[in-house]
Amino acid sequence: MKLRKRATLTKFLTIRPQDAVCDLYFPESVDDVVRFTVLERDYHLLGGGSNVIAGAVRKPVITLALLEGRSSTEDIDSRQVAVSMPAWLRVAPLIDYLIANGLTGLEFMAGIPGTVGGAIVGNAAPKGHSWEGIVRKVVYVKEGSVLTASPRFAYRRILDMPEPPYILLAAELILRKDTTAKIKERIRGFMKERISIPYPSAGSLFRNPAGASAGKLLEEAGCKGLAVGDAALYERHANIVVNKGKARSAEFVALREEAAARVEKRHGVRLEPEVKFWQ
């Protein structure tokens, strides 16, 4: 197990907060992960860093970046395939894996940053899509035990799992066989719908409240382009949080509170953050 005391987190987070530091642990084996969860019961797990804003983090942070692992496939029948893959695999290589192996079912993840594990735990997916019916089983570590679960999913949430923190190690997915040409065509379709963001970003700042769009509520409350220092809401989409220069964590917190207050004043709705603010 490697440890970097008060390591700079900025380069690990896609929005690049300038004051992000922590004690960062790098396990080199699953045994290291198990031992870590015995010694530490309150910690953060760093995946792709695409939905995290942090300053001086007091809790220990663990990343699985040094672990090795391979994906494997096993035919279920003539149409379906079970795919086992490490949770720390990034989404971009996942998409490449789909194309190379002629597998369909996760094209909707094209262009979304982060890791497979982070996407599963947060049920990251564009509107109308979900990991429900795709994830058959996950392997995770909690308090020194390696366990399995067959989760269900809701909006931006994984269900039938223990209270965090826990560390997702692997997932077994059920995908279908298809031609490379059709898979690539669907990927191109999803990529066309992605918004190009010219700044470091953590994506959507707030979750959509029931029956409404957070972006629409924010825009109607005058939050498009709202900024606190270099922390801002993107001019083209009011719910996308960006770093226009050297924003620090306190600026993002102030931006979050100001935007939420404006929406609550205008619409009577209190928005809940989708981005994780680490302490």
Protein backbone atom coordinates (compact mmCIF):
# COMPACT_ATOMS: atom_id res chain seq x y z
CA MET A 1 0.00 0.00 0.00
CA LYS A 2 1.40 3.36 -1.03
CA LEU A 3 0.45 6.56 0.77
CA ARG A 4 0.93 10.17 -0.29
CA LYS A 5 0.41 12.48 2.70
CA ARG A 6 -1.43 15.73 1.83
CA ALA A 7 -1.28 14.85 -1.85
CA THR A 8 -2.57 17.33 -4.40
CA LEU A 9 -5.92 16.08 -5.69
CA THR A 10 -6.37 18.76 -8.33
CA LYS A 11 -5.09 16.68 -11.26
CA PHE A 12 -7.32 13.73 -10.23
CA LEU A 13 -10.55 15.77 -10.40
CA THR A 14 -11.96 16.78 -13.78
CA ILE A 15 -13.06 20.23 -12.53
CA ARG A 16 -9.55 20.99 -11.19
CA PRO A 17 -10.24 22.79 -7.87
CA GLN A 18 -6.96 24.49 -7.00
CA ASP A 19 -6.92 23.74 -3.25
CA ALA A 20 -7.80 20.02 -3.33
CA VAL A 21 -5.48 18.01 -1.04
CA CYS A 22 -5.82 14.78 0.96
CA ASP A 23 -4.04 11.75 2.35
CA LEU A 24 -4.19 9.51 -0.71
CA TYR A 25 -3.86 5.72 -0.48
CA PHE A 26 -2.86 3.52 -3.43
CA PRO A 27 -3.53 -0.19 -2.72
CA GLU A 28 -1.49 -2.59 -4.84
CA SER A 29 -3.65 -5.67 -4.25
CA VAL A 30 -7.14 -6.66 -3.15
CA ASP A 31 -5.62 -7.65 0.20
CA ASP A 32 -4.48 -4.03 0.59
CA VAL A 33 -8.05 -2.88 -0.06
CA VAL A 34 -9.43 -5.29 2.52
CA ARG A 35 -6.89 -4.17 5.14
CA PHE A 36 -7.66 -0.53 4.43
CA THR A 37 -11.37 -1.05 5.12
CA VAL A 38 -10.51 -2.73 8.42
CA LEU A 39 -8.37 0.21 9.56
CA GLU A 40 -10.52 2.99 8.07
CA ARG A 41 -14.29 3.05 8.47
CA ASP A 42 -14.91 6.58 7.14
CA TYR A 43 -13.21 7.43 3.85
CA HIS A 44 -13.74 8.57 0.26
CA LEU A 45 -13.24 6.36 -2.80
CA LEU A 46 -11.70 8.18 -5.76
CA GLY A 47 -12.75 6.78 -9.12
CA GLY A 48 -12.59 8.89 -12.25
CA GLY A 49 -12.98 12.13 -10.26
CA SER A 50 -15.62 13.40 -12.69
CA ASN A 51 -18.30 14.34 -10.14
CA VAL A 52 -16.24 15.47 -7.13
CA ILE A 53 -15.32 18.92 -5.80
CA ALA A 54 -12.86 18.99 -2.92
CA GLY A 55 -10.72 21.35 -0.88
CA ALA A 56 -8.65 20.26 2.12
CA VAL A 57 -10.13 16.79 2.66
CA ARG A 58 -9.97 15.50 6.23
CA LYS A 59 -11.05 11.92 5.50
CA PRO A 60 -8.56 9.49 3.92
CA VAL A 61 -9.01 8.93 0.19
CA ILE A 62 -8.36 5.62 -1.57
CA THR A 63 -7.91 5.06 -5.30
CA LEU A 64 -7.73 1.73 -7.13
CA ALA A 65 -5.62 3.18 -9.94
CA LEU A 66 -2.64 0.85 -9.32
CA LEU A 67 -4.65 -2.36 -9.27
CA GLU A 68 -4.48 -4.70 -12.23
CA GLY A 69 -7.45 -6.53 -13.68
CA ARG A 70 -8.82 -7.92 -16.92
CA SER A 71 -12.27 -8.17 -18.40
CA SER A 72 -13.64 -11.53 -19.48
CA THR A 73 -16.71 -12.78 -21.33
CA GLU A 74 -18.80 -15.92 -21.15
CA ASP A 75 -21.68 -16.82 -23.46
CA ILE A 76 -25.05 -17.22 -21.74
CA ASP A 77 -26.83 -18.21 -24.94
CA SER A 78 -26.68 -17.37 -28.64
CA ARG A 79 -27.62 -13.74 -27.97
CA GLN A 80 -26.44 -12.84 -24.46
CA VAL A 81 -22.99 -12.59 -22.91
CA ALA A 82 -21.90 -12.22 -19.27
CA VAL A 83 -19.03 -9.74 -19.01
CA SER A 84 -16.93 -9.47 -15.84
CA MET A 85 -14.81 -6.36 -15.49
CA PRO A 86 -12.90 -4.43 -12.82
CA ALA A 87 -14.74 -1.47 -11.32
CA TRP A 88 -11.75 0.85 -11.83
CA LEU A 89 -11.91 0.43 -15.63
CA ARG A 90 -12.58 3.81 -17.22
CA VAL A 91 -15.64 4.30 -19.38
CA ALA A 92 -13.72 5.10 -22.58
CA PRO A 93 -11.94 1.70 -22.62
CA LEU A 94 -15.31 0.11 -21.81
CA ILE A 95 -16.74 1.57 -25.01
CA ASP A 96 -13.71 0.28 -26.95
CA TYR A 97 -14.29 -3.15 -25.39
CA LEU A 98 -17.91 -3.16 -26.59
CA ILE A 99 -16.83 -2.39 -30.14
CA ALA A 100 -13.96 -4.90 -30.18
CA ASN A 101 -16.16 -7.72 -28.86
CA GLY A 102 -19.41 -6.93 -30.67
CA LEU A 103 -21.41 -6.24 -27.51
CA THR A 104 -24.39 -3.90 -27.16
CA GLY A 105 -26.25 -2.46 -24.19
CA LEU A 106 -23.99 0.32 -22.90
CA GLU A 107 -23.58 2.57 -25.90
CA PHE A 108 -25.41 5.27 -23.92
CA MET A 109 -22.24 5.67 -21.83
CA ALA A 110 -20.24 6.99 -24.79
CA GLY A 111 -18.67 10.34 -23.95
CA ILE A 112 -19.45 10.12 -20.22
CA PRO A 113 -16.28 10.42 -18.08
CA GLY A 114 -15.40 8.37 -15.02
CA THR A 115 -15.07 4.68 -14.17
CA VAL A 116 -17.36 1.70 -14.53
CA GLY A 117 -17.70 1.43 -10.74
CA GLY A 118 -18.54 5.09 -10.32
CA ALA A 119 -21.09 4.92 -13.11
CA ILE A 120 -22.76 1.88 -11.53
CA VAL A 121 -22.91 3.33 -8.00
CA GLY A 122 -24.32 6.62 -9.30
CA ASN A 123 -26.43 5.00 -12.05
CA ALA A 124 -24.83 7.48 -14.43
CA ALA A 125 -26.79 7.53 -17.67
CA PRO A 126 -28.51 10.01 -19.97
CA LYS A 127 -32.26 10.55 -19.71
CA GLY A 128 -34.22 7.42 -20.52
CA HIS A 129 -31.37 5.01 -19.77
CA SER A 130 -30.16 3.10 -16.72
CA TRP A 131 -27.84 0.30 -15.55
CA GLU A 132 -31.00 -1.58 -14.46
CA GLY A 133 -31.12 -4.97 -16.20
CA ILE A 134 -27.45 -4.72 -17.21
CA VAL A 135 -25.68 -5.27 -13.88
CA ARG A 136 -26.22 -8.84 -12.71
CA LYS A 137 -23.79 -8.83 -9.80
CA VAL A 138 -21.20 -6.64 -8.09
CA VAL A 139 -18.28 -7.56 -5.83
CA TYR A 140 -17.43 -5.07 -3.10
CA VAL A 141 -15.41 -4.69 0.10
CA LYS A 142 -16.83 -3.35 3.34
CA GLU A 143 -15.20 -3.41 6.78
CA GLY A 144 -12.75 -6.15 5.86
CA SER A 145 -15.20 -8.48 4.06
CA VAL A 146 -15.43 -9.24 0.33
CA LEU A 147 -19.13 -9.51 -0.51
CA THR A 148 -21.45 -9.80 -3.52
CA ALA A 149 -24.82 -8.25 -4.31
CA SER A 150 -27.37 -8.11 -7.13
CA PRO A 151 -28.42 -4.46 -7.05
CA ARG A 152 -31.37 -2.64 -8.49
CA PHE A 153 -31.30 0.97 -9.63
CA ALA A 154 -33.23 4.22 -9.32
CA TYR A 155 -32.55 7.74 -10.57
CA ARG A 156 -28.86 8.43 -9.85
CA ARG A 157 -28.82 5.70 -7.19
CA ILE A 158 -27.88 2.08 -6.67
CA LEU A 159 -30.26 0.07 -4.47
CA ASP A 160 -29.93 -3.07 -2.34
CA MET A 161 -26.42 -2.14 -1.23
CA PRO A 162 -25.12 -1.36 2.28
CA GLU A 163 -24.66 2.16 3.58
CA PRO A 164 -21.47 3.76 2.24
CA PRO A 165 -18.58 3.73 2.41
CA TYR A 166 -17.73 0.53 0.58
CA ILE A 167 -15.39 -0.20 -2.31
CA LEU A 168 -16.70 -1.72 -5.53
CA LEU A 169 -14.14 -4.14 -6.97
CA ALA A 170 -15.88 -5.69 -9.97
CA ALA A 171 -19.15 -6.06 -11.81
CA GLU A 172 -20.76 -8.75 -13.90
CA LEU A 173 -22.78 -7.28 -16.76
CA ILE A 174 -25.30 -8.89 -19.10
CA LEU A 175 -24.83 -7.60 -22.66
CA ARG A 176 -26.07 -8.71 -26.06
CA LYS A 177 -24.25 -9.62 -29.23
CA ASP A 178 -24.50 -7.29 -32.22
CA THR A 179 -22.53 -6.16 -35.24
CA THR A 180 -19.71 -3.67 -34.86
CA ALA A 181 -21.33 -1.41 -37.45
CA LYS A 182 -24.61 -1.14 -35.51
CA ILE A 183 -22.77 -0.56 -32.21
CA LYS A 184 -20.66 2.23 -33.73
CA GLU A 185 -23.76 3.82 -35.25
CA ARG A 186 -25.49 3.95 -31.87
CA ILE A 187 -22.35 5.34 -30.22
CA ARG A 188 -22.18 8.11 -32.83
CA GLY A 189 -25.82 8.93 -32.10
CA PHE A 190 -25.16 9.34 -28.37
CA MET A 191 -22.00 11.35 -28.99
CA LYS A 192 -23.95 13.84 -31.11
CA GLU A 193 -26.17 14.57 -28.11
CA ARG A 194 -23.26 15.39 -25.79
CA ILE A 195 -22.61 19.04 -24.97
CA SER A 196 -19.07 20.20 -25.72
CA ILE A 197 -17.70 21.97 -22.64
CA PRO A 198 -14.53 24.07 -23.16
CA TYR A 199 -13.70 24.26 -19.43
CA PRO A 200 -12.80 21.78 -16.70
CA SER A 201 -16.15 20.50 -15.42
CA ALA A 202 -17.85 18.13 -12.99
CA GLY A 203 -21.00 17.86 -15.09
CA SER A 204 -24.43 18.47 -13.58
CA LEU A 205 -24.27 20.41 -10.32
CA PHE A 206 -27.78 19.44 -9.16
CA ARG A 207 -30.04 16.41 -9.44
CA ASN A 208 -33.34 16.77 -11.26
CA PRO A 209 -36.17 17.11 -8.72
CA ALA A 210 -39.21 14.87 -9.20
CA GLY A 211 -41.07 15.83 -12.33
CA ALA A 212 -38.82 18.73 -13.26
CA SER A 213 -35.52 19.63 -14.90
CA ALA A 214 -32.88 21.23 -12.69
CA GLY A 215 -31.40 22.95 -15.72
CA LYS A 216 -34.73 24.54 -16.66
CA LEU A 217 -35.39 25.69 -13.07
CA LEU A 218 -31.90 27.19 -12.86
CA GLU A 219 -32.26 28.97 -16.21
CA GLU A 220 -35.62 30.44 -15.21
CA ALA A 221 -34.03 31.64 -11.96
CA GLY A 222 -31.36 33.53 -13.92
CA CYS A 223 -28.48 31.15 -13.18
CA LYS A 224 -27.09 30.66 -16.68
CA GLY A 225 -23.53 31.98 -16.53
CA LEU A 226 -23.78 32.66 -12.79
CA ALA A 227 -20.26 32.86 -11.33
CA VAL A 228 -18.51 33.15 -7.99
CA GLY A 229 -14.91 33.92 -8.81
CA ASP A 230 -13.83 31.36 -11.42
CA ALA A 231 -16.51 28.85 -10.37
CA ALA A 232 -19.43 29.16 -12.77
CA LEU A 233 -22.52 27.64 -14.32
CA TYR A 234 -21.98 27.19 -18.05
CA GLU A 235 -23.52 29.79 -20.35
CA ARG A 236 -24.99 27.11 -22.62
CA HIS A 237 -26.48 24.96 -19.84
CA ALA A 238 -27.41 26.34 -16.43
CA ASN A 239 -26.85 23.04 -14.57
CA ILE A 240 -23.30 22.36 -15.75
CA VAL A 241 -20.65 23.52 -13.28
CA VAL A 242 -17.30 24.63 -14.71
CA ASN A 243 -13.96 26.06 -13.65
CA LYS A 244 -13.07 29.10 -15.76
CA GLY A 245 -9.61 29.51 -14.31
CA LYS A 246 -8.29 28.79 -10.83
CA ALA A 247 -11.45 28.26 -8.81
CA ARG A 248 -11.12 26.94 -5.27
CA SER A 249 -13.53 24.73 -3.37
CA ALA A 250 -15.08 27.60 -1.38
CA GLU A 251 -16.08 29.33 -4.64
CA PHE A 252 -17.90 26.19 -5.80
CA VAL A 253 -19.69 25.90 -2.45
CA ALA A 254 -20.77 29.55 -2.65
CA LEU A 255 -21.93 29.04 -6.24
CA ARG A 256 -23.96 25.98 -5.21
CA GLU A 257 -25.65 27.86 -2.36
CA GLU A 258 -26.42 30.95 -4.45
CA ALA A 259 -27.90 28.92 -7.31
CA ALA A 260 -29.99 26.77 -4.94
CA ALA A 261 -31.26 29.88 -3.12
CA ARG A 262 -32.31 31.53 -6.39
CA VAL A 263 -34.26 28.46 -7.49
CA GLU A 264 -35.91 28.10 -4.09
CA LYS A 265 -36.93 31.77 -4.12
CA ARG A 266 -38.31 31.57 -7.67
CA HIS A 267 -39.88 28.09 -7.65
CA GLY A 268 -40.12 26.99 -4.02
CA VAL A 269 -37.96 23.94 -4.80
CA ARG A 270 -34.73 23.14 -2.95
CA LEU A 271 -32.29 21.50 -5.35
CA GLU A 272 -30.04 18.68 -4.12
CA PRO A 273 -26.42 18.49 -5.35
CA GLU A 274 -25.44 15.76 -7.77
CA VAL A 275 -21.76 16.62 -7.49
CA LYS A 276 -20.10 15.27 -4.35
CA PHE A 277 -18.49 17.90 -2.14
CA TRP A 278 -15.74 16.19 -0.15
CA GLN A 279 -14.71 17.35 3.30
